[in-house]
Each structure stands twice: as structure tokens, then as C-alpha cells.
Amino acid sequence: MSNNKIKNIIKKIVFPIRFNSRRLIGGNRMEPSFIIVGAQKAGTTSLYKYLTQHPDIKATLLKEVHYFDLNYDKPLSWYQSFFPLKRNNKIITGEASPYYMFHPYAIKRIANFNANIKIIVLLREPASRAISHYYHEVRLGRETLGLGEAFNQEDQRMQEELEKFRNNQHYIGYNHQRFSYQSRSDYLPQIKEIKECFKEENIKIIDSKEFFKHTSETVKDVLKFLGVDPDFKIKTEKRFNSWEKIADPEEKEIYTKLKAKFKNSNDTLFDLIGKKFDWK
């Protein structure tokens, strides 16, 4: 038996024991001061890894807790168990679940939990995000349709999922999460809802292109937003989760069509957030 298989077996045995013991002292655990709510395939993993290098920011047991979308039927103690034990007032914690931003009810649930929590959003150029999302699902073996067919089928897939959500707010919509390539790239309705639920001073919206181009400066700005020492040196050389380049002729054709499709929505989005991103 390989070492990796042995490690996975140990994890399956140890994690539930460790997790259940954490739930017993859920009331003594910190509450999140911030949540990175999206977007998927936009750099959320890298940003979270960088932020949690800071001595005043403690990571959760898992980066993506998915309480407000996939696990909202569980008790609050379940959510609390993922966070560190309470320390001095200087220390903060937070999580990053990129489906929150797109889930029909997650943003409102977060606002009901804590209307003053800080919300961080990374936005990647929509056309490239949609295509990257597709290949992510293909790699995981969850998408069996070709690129063009998957995009053509999306509206029908999403209509079916949304109907299920309307009938049951606790519906676990894995297809909604996985096959929403273009829908999740239409940021305008998602950002509108965030702005309706949270105060302007508690929202940080970041261009993913700018984040990866000027990583240290962007991270420093986010640290300042979170109220911790922005001058602490964060190691940003390592990038987590690489992005694919648009190379295939079919990809390029679909990419061009998506760029045109999202143009008006993007222009309205830029007016809403008061800045324009270089999404060329």
C-alpha cells in the first residue's frame, strides 16, 4: 500500500474524531471577521493562502467551509467548529467559499449571520473564467459534454436547478454549482445583491488580473481593509491553482462570443462599483 493511500485512510479516521471534538467547544471559537465569497476560478485560494500567513489572521480548519450554501441545514456549532479558539482581540479569522456569491440564498444568509462582516470579492475577466470553469469540471470528471454543447445546455440546466431552489431553500444544487459557466460569470446581479446586503465600507472588490499582476500591493491593501498591520511581509511568490490559456480554435471562437455577450453587463457593473477593470 502506498504512503498516500495510508495517509488518506488515516485522514478519514482522524478527521471525524478531531472535528467532533471541536464541536464540543464551538462556543469558545472565534467568529469570522471576513469571508471571500467568490468568484470561483478567480484567485480566491491564492488570496486566502497569502492572508493567512499574517500572524493576526488565523486560518480555518478548511478553506472552503460552505456553510451558507451547501451545509445550511447543519447547526451553527458545526460552522463554528471550523474556526480557531478565541484568542486576544487582535487576532481575526475568516473563510473562503467561492460558491457563496452565486448561490441564490447564501449572501442573505451571511448578512443575517453578521451584517457587519467584511466581504471580499475577486472578479476575473468573465469569458476566460467561464471557460476555465468548464475545464475544471471536465478534469474532475463531472462534465461530459463538449465545450460548445455545455454552454448551449446551460440555460436549461440552470432553469431546472432554480426551480428546485424555489421549491426548497435547502436544496443542494450541485449541478447549479458545477455547470453554471456563463451564469457565474455574469457578475452584475451578484454584486448588486452584495451591495444591497452589506455596507459599502465592508465590501472589497478586486480585479483578479490586477491581483496577480501586483500581488504584494493588492494583498497589502486587503490587509489594511481587514484592519491588521499591512506592512507585515507576505510571501507571494507561489501561485495556487494555475489558469489555462485560451488556445483551441473553438475556445477562441466561444471566448470572442462571450466577450461580446458580457460587454453591456460589464459596463453596468463598472458603473456600479465605480471603477473599470482592464478586461481585454
Protein backbone atom coordinates (compact mmCIF):
# COMPACT_ATOMS: atom_id res chain seq x y z
CA MET A 1 0.00 0.00 0.00
CA SER A 2 1.38 3.42 -0.99
CA ASN A 3 2.15 6.16 1.53
CA ASN A 4 -0.56 8.39 0.01
CA LYS A 5 -3.22 5.70 0.48
CA ILE A 6 -2.13 5.19 4.08
CA LYS A 7 -2.29 8.96 4.68
CA ASN A 8 -5.80 9.15 3.18
CA ILE A 9 -7.01 6.28 5.38
CA ILE A 10 -5.58 7.98 8.47
CA LYS A 11 -7.26 11.27 7.47
CA LYS A 12 -10.64 9.55 7.10
CA ILE A 13 -10.29 8.09 10.60
CA VAL A 14 -8.74 11.06 12.39
CA PHE A 15 -10.67 13.98 10.83
CA PRO A 16 -14.16 12.99 12.13
CA ILE A 17 -12.77 12.47 15.64
CA ARG A 18 -10.95 15.79 15.55
CA PHE A 19 -13.97 17.56 14.06
CA ASN A 20 -16.45 16.23 16.64
CA SER A 21 -14.15 17.23 19.49
CA ARG A 22 -14.01 20.75 18.05
CA ARG A 23 -17.82 20.95 18.00
CA LEU A 24 -17.94 20.35 21.75
CA ILE A 25 -16.22 23.70 22.32
CA GLY A 26 -17.84 25.57 19.42
CA GLY A 27 -18.92 28.40 21.72
CA ASN A 28 -15.29 29.12 22.58
CA ARG A 29 -14.29 29.58 18.97
CA MET A 30 -13.77 32.77 17.02
CA GLU A 31 -16.36 34.07 14.58
CA PRO A 32 -15.22 35.05 11.08
CA SER A 33 -14.34 38.70 10.55
CA PHE A 34 -14.26 38.29 6.78
CA ILE A 35 -15.43 35.95 4.03
CA ILE A 36 -14.06 35.66 0.49
CA VAL A 37 -17.32 34.92 -1.33
CA GLY A 38 -16.04 34.49 -4.90
CA ALA A 39 -15.63 34.31 -7.69
CA GLN A 40 -14.67 30.74 -8.45
CA LYS A 41 -11.53 30.36 -10.64
CA ALA A 42 -10.57 33.96 -9.85
CA GLY A 43 -7.74 33.58 -7.33
CA THR A 44 -9.57 33.00 -4.06
CA THR A 45 -7.24 30.19 -2.97
CA SER A 46 -4.12 32.27 -3.56
CA LEU A 47 -5.54 35.29 -1.73
CA TYR A 48 -6.63 33.20 1.26
CA LYS A 49 -3.24 31.47 1.48
CA TYR A 50 -1.48 34.84 1.42
CA LEU A 51 -3.76 36.47 4.01
CA THR A 52 -3.41 33.61 6.48
CA GLN A 53 0.37 34.00 6.50
CA HIS A 54 -0.26 37.11 8.61
CA PRO A 55 0.25 36.45 12.35
CA ASP A 56 -3.00 38.24 13.17
CA ILE A 57 -5.11 36.19 10.74
CA LYS A 58 -5.78 32.57 11.64
CA ALA A 59 -6.94 30.06 9.03
CA THR A 60 -9.97 27.81 9.33
CA LEU A 61 -9.78 24.02 9.51
CA LEU A 62 -10.78 24.03 5.83
CA LYS A 63 -10.55 26.99 3.45
CA GLU A 64 -13.97 26.31 1.92
CA VAL A 65 -16.43 25.64 4.73
CA HIS A 66 -19.55 26.02 2.53
CA TYR A 67 -21.87 26.56 5.47
CA PHE A 68 -24.13 29.23 3.96
CA ASP A 69 -24.68 27.30 0.73
CA LEU A 70 -24.25 23.52 0.98
CA ASN A 71 -24.46 22.96 4.75
CA TYR A 72 -27.01 25.48 6.00
CA ASP A 73 -29.20 22.72 7.40
CA LYS A 74 -26.49 21.96 9.95
CA PRO A 75 -26.37 23.68 13.39
CA LEU A 76 -24.30 26.81 13.94
CA SER A 77 -21.97 24.77 16.16
CA TRP A 78 -21.00 22.82 13.03
CA TYR A 79 -19.88 26.06 11.38
CA GLN A 80 -18.14 27.35 14.49
CA SER A 81 -16.10 24.16 14.82
CA PHE A 82 -14.05 25.08 11.75
CA PHE A 83 -12.65 28.23 13.36
CA PRO A 84 -9.74 28.70 15.80
CA LEU A 85 -10.23 29.02 19.54
CA LYS A 86 -10.80 32.54 20.82
CA ARG A 87 -7.60 34.45 21.48
CA ASN A 88 -6.91 38.09 22.17
CA ASN A 89 -8.95 40.76 20.39
CA LYS A 90 -6.11 41.42 17.96
CA ILE A 91 -6.48 38.08 16.16
CA ILE A 92 -9.08 37.63 13.40
CA THR A 93 -10.18 34.73 11.22
CA GLY A 94 -12.16 34.20 8.05
CA GLU A 95 -13.04 31.71 5.35
CA ALA A 96 -13.26 31.50 1.56
CA SER A 97 -16.15 29.67 -0.12
CA PRO A 98 -16.44 30.92 -3.72
CA TYR A 99 -19.91 29.46 -4.32
CA TYR A 100 -21.43 31.86 -1.77
CA MET A 101 -21.51 34.70 -4.27
CA PHE A 102 -23.58 32.78 -6.82
CA HIS A 103 -25.80 30.69 -4.53
CA PRO A 104 -29.41 32.01 -4.52
CA TYR A 105 -29.59 32.41 -0.72
CA ALA A 106 -26.04 32.45 0.66
CA ILE A 107 -25.38 36.20 0.63
CA LYS A 108 -28.60 36.98 2.52
CA ARG A 109 -27.80 34.19 4.99
CA ILE A 110 -24.37 35.70 5.64
CA ALA A 111 -25.96 39.11 6.20
CA ASN A 112 -28.41 37.57 8.69
CA PHE A 113 -25.48 35.93 10.46
CA ASN A 114 -23.43 39.15 10.65
CA ALA A 115 -24.38 42.25 8.70
CA ASN A 116 -21.04 43.88 9.58
CA ILE A 117 -18.78 41.10 8.36
CA LYS A 118 -16.24 42.13 5.72
CA ILE A 119 -16.90 40.74 2.25
CA ILE A 120 -14.08 40.20 -0.25
CA VAL A 121 -14.75 39.55 -3.94
CA LEU A 122 -12.26 38.67 -6.67
CA LEU A 123 -13.55 39.17 -10.22
CA ARG A 124 -11.81 37.55 -13.17
CA GLU A 125 -12.47 38.55 -16.78
CA PRO A 126 -15.82 36.77 -17.32
CA ALA A 127 -15.22 34.94 -20.61
CA SER A 128 -11.94 33.35 -19.52
CA ARG A 129 -13.45 32.48 -16.12
CA ALA A 130 -16.36 30.66 -17.77
CA ILE A 131 -14.06 28.58 -19.98
CA SER A 132 -11.70 27.86 -17.08
CA HIS A 133 -14.69 26.74 -15.01
CA TYR A 134 -15.71 24.33 -17.78
CA TYR A 135 -12.30 22.66 -17.93
CA HIS A 136 -12.22 22.44 -14.14
CA GLU A 137 -15.40 20.35 -14.24
CA VAL A 138 -14.04 18.22 -17.10
CA ARG A 139 -10.86 17.46 -15.15
CA LEU A 140 -12.94 16.36 -12.17
CA GLY A 141 -14.97 14.05 -14.40
CA ARG A 142 -18.25 15.85 -13.74
CA GLU A 143 -18.78 17.41 -17.18
CA THR A 144 -19.19 15.01 -20.10
CA LEU A 145 -20.45 17.45 -22.75
CA GLY A 146 -18.17 19.26 -25.18
CA LEU A 147 -17.42 22.95 -24.58
CA GLY A 148 -19.95 24.34 -27.05
CA GLU A 149 -22.67 21.87 -26.10
CA ALA A 150 -22.19 22.50 -22.37
CA PHE A 151 -22.61 26.24 -22.91
CA ASN A 152 -25.67 25.69 -25.13
CA GLN A 153 -27.26 23.44 -22.49
CA GLU A 154 -26.56 25.82 -19.61
CA ASP A 155 -29.79 27.83 -19.67
CA GLN A 156 -31.92 24.69 -19.46
CA ARG A 157 -29.71 23.21 -16.75
CA MET A 158 -29.94 26.39 -14.68
CA GLN A 159 -33.71 26.76 -15.10
CA GLU A 160 -34.19 23.24 -13.74
CA GLU A 161 -31.91 23.97 -10.80
CA LEU A 162 -33.52 27.30 -9.93
CA GLU A 163 -36.95 25.69 -9.90
CA LYS A 164 -35.67 23.19 -7.33
CA PHE A 165 -34.28 26.05 -5.22
CA ARG A 166 -37.63 27.84 -5.35
CA ASN A 167 -39.33 24.71 -4.02
CA ASN A 168 -36.73 24.05 -1.33
CA GLN A 169 -34.34 26.65 0.07
CA HIS A 170 -32.16 23.87 1.49
CA TYR A 171 -31.81 22.16 -1.87
CA ILE A 172 -28.19 21.13 -2.54
CA GLY A 173 -27.72 22.17 -6.16
CA TYR A 174 -24.51 20.52 -7.26
CA ASN A 175 -25.46 20.98 -10.93
CA HIS A 176 -26.16 24.65 -10.19
CA GLN A 177 -22.71 24.94 -8.68
CA ARG A 178 -20.86 22.95 -11.34
CA PHE A 179 -22.48 23.72 -14.69
CA SER A 180 -23.13 27.47 -14.30
CA TYR A 181 -20.24 28.56 -16.52
CA GLN A 182 -21.71 31.70 -18.09
CA SER A 183 -24.18 32.41 -15.29
CA ARG A 184 -21.46 32.65 -12.64
CA SER A 185 -19.50 34.98 -14.93
CA ASP A 186 -22.39 37.45 -15.08
CA TYR A 187 -21.23 39.37 -12.03
CA LEU A 188 -23.70 42.25 -12.16
CA PRO A 189 -26.67 40.63 -10.33
CA GLN A 190 -24.30 39.03 -7.82
CA ILE A 191 -22.57 42.31 -6.95
CA LYS A 192 -25.92 44.10 -6.79
CA GLU A 193 -27.10 41.68 -4.11
CA ILE A 194 -23.87 42.04 -2.13
CA LYS A 195 -24.24 45.82 -2.18
CA GLU A 196 -27.86 45.54 -1.06
CA CYS A 197 -26.91 43.36 1.91
CA PHE A 198 -23.69 44.97 3.17
CA LYS A 199 -22.35 48.46 3.81
CA GLU A 200 -20.00 49.92 1.23
CA GLU A 201 -17.13 50.19 3.72
CA ASN A 202 -17.36 46.44 4.37
CA ILE A 203 -17.02 45.37 0.73
CA LYS A 204 -13.72 44.93 -1.11
CA ILE A 205 -13.92 44.16 -4.85
CA ILE A 206 -10.67 43.18 -6.56
CA ASP A 207 -9.74 42.69 -10.21
CA SER A 208 -8.07 39.27 -10.44
CA LYS A 209 -5.80 40.46 -13.22
CA GLU A 210 -4.56 43.29 -11.03
CA PHE A 211 -4.21 40.89 -8.09
CA PHE A 212 -1.85 38.59 -9.99
CA LYS A 213 -0.02 41.46 -11.69
CA HIS A 214 0.58 43.45 -8.49
CA THR A 215 0.12 40.77 -5.85
CA SER A 216 2.06 42.30 -2.94
CA GLU A 217 0.36 45.67 -3.31
CA THR A 218 -3.09 44.09 -3.56
CA VAL A 219 -2.55 41.88 -0.51
CA LYS A 220 -1.30 44.88 1.45
CA ASP A 221 -4.47 46.77 0.52
CA VAL A 222 -6.64 43.85 1.68
CA LEU A 223 -4.74 43.61 4.98
CA LYS A 224 -5.43 47.30 5.54
CA PHE A 225 -9.12 46.69 4.72
CA LEU A 226 -9.19 43.93 7.36
CA GLY A 227 -7.65 46.19 10.00
CA VAL A 228 -4.39 44.30 10.53
CA ASP A 229 -0.82 45.51 10.05
CA PRO A 230 -0.47 45.97 6.27
CA ASP A 231 3.32 46.20 6.46
CA PHE A 232 3.85 42.60 7.53
CA LYS A 233 5.81 40.89 4.76
CA ILE A 234 3.70 38.27 2.97
CA LYS A 235 5.40 35.73 0.70
CA THR A 236 3.52 35.96 -2.58
CA GLU A 237 5.94 34.21 -4.93
CA LYS A 238 3.94 30.96 -5.02
CA ARG A 239 0.70 31.00 -7.00
CA PHE A 240 -2.02 28.48 -6.18
CA ASN A 241 -4.23 26.92 -8.90
CA SER A 242 -2.91 27.91 -12.33
CA TRP A 243 -5.08 29.34 -15.12
CA GLU A 244 -5.44 27.85 -18.58
CA LYS A 245 -4.64 29.83 -21.72
CA ILE A 246 -7.22 30.13 -24.48
CA ALA A 247 -5.57 28.26 -27.38
CA ASP A 248 -8.01 25.92 -29.15
CA PRO A 249 -9.86 27.46 -32.18
CA GLU A 250 -13.26 26.52 -30.70
CA GLU A 251 -12.24 28.08 -27.40
CA LYS A 252 -11.19 31.29 -29.14
CA GLU A 253 -14.49 31.49 -31.02
CA ILE A 254 -16.53 30.93 -27.85
CA TYR A 255 -14.30 33.33 -25.94
CA THR A 256 -14.95 36.08 -28.52
CA LYS A 257 -18.72 35.47 -28.36
CA LEU A 258 -18.68 35.55 -24.56
CA LYS A 259 -16.73 38.82 -24.53
CA ALA A 260 -19.44 40.40 -26.64
CA LYS A 261 -22.20 38.80 -24.56
CA PHE A 262 -20.87 40.19 -21.27
CA LYS A 263 -19.94 43.68 -22.53
CA ASN A 264 -23.11 45.53 -21.54
CA SER A 265 -23.34 43.77 -18.19
CA ASN A 266 -19.68 44.56 -17.50
CA ASP A 267 -20.15 48.24 -18.38
CA THR A 268 -23.07 48.48 -15.94
CA LEU A 269 -21.03 46.62 -13.34
CA PHE A 270 -18.17 49.12 -13.64
CA ASP A 271 -20.63 51.98 -13.14
CA LEU A 272 -21.99 50.23 -10.06
CA ILE A 273 -18.60 49.67 -8.40
CA GLY A 274 -17.16 53.00 -9.52
CA LYS A 275 -14.11 51.60 -11.34
CA LYS A 276 -13.28 49.91 -14.63
CA PHE A 277 -11.19 46.77 -14.89
CA ASP A 278 -8.79 46.07 -17.77
CA TRP A 279 -10.62 43.04 -19.14
CA LYS A 280 -9.16 42.99 -22.66
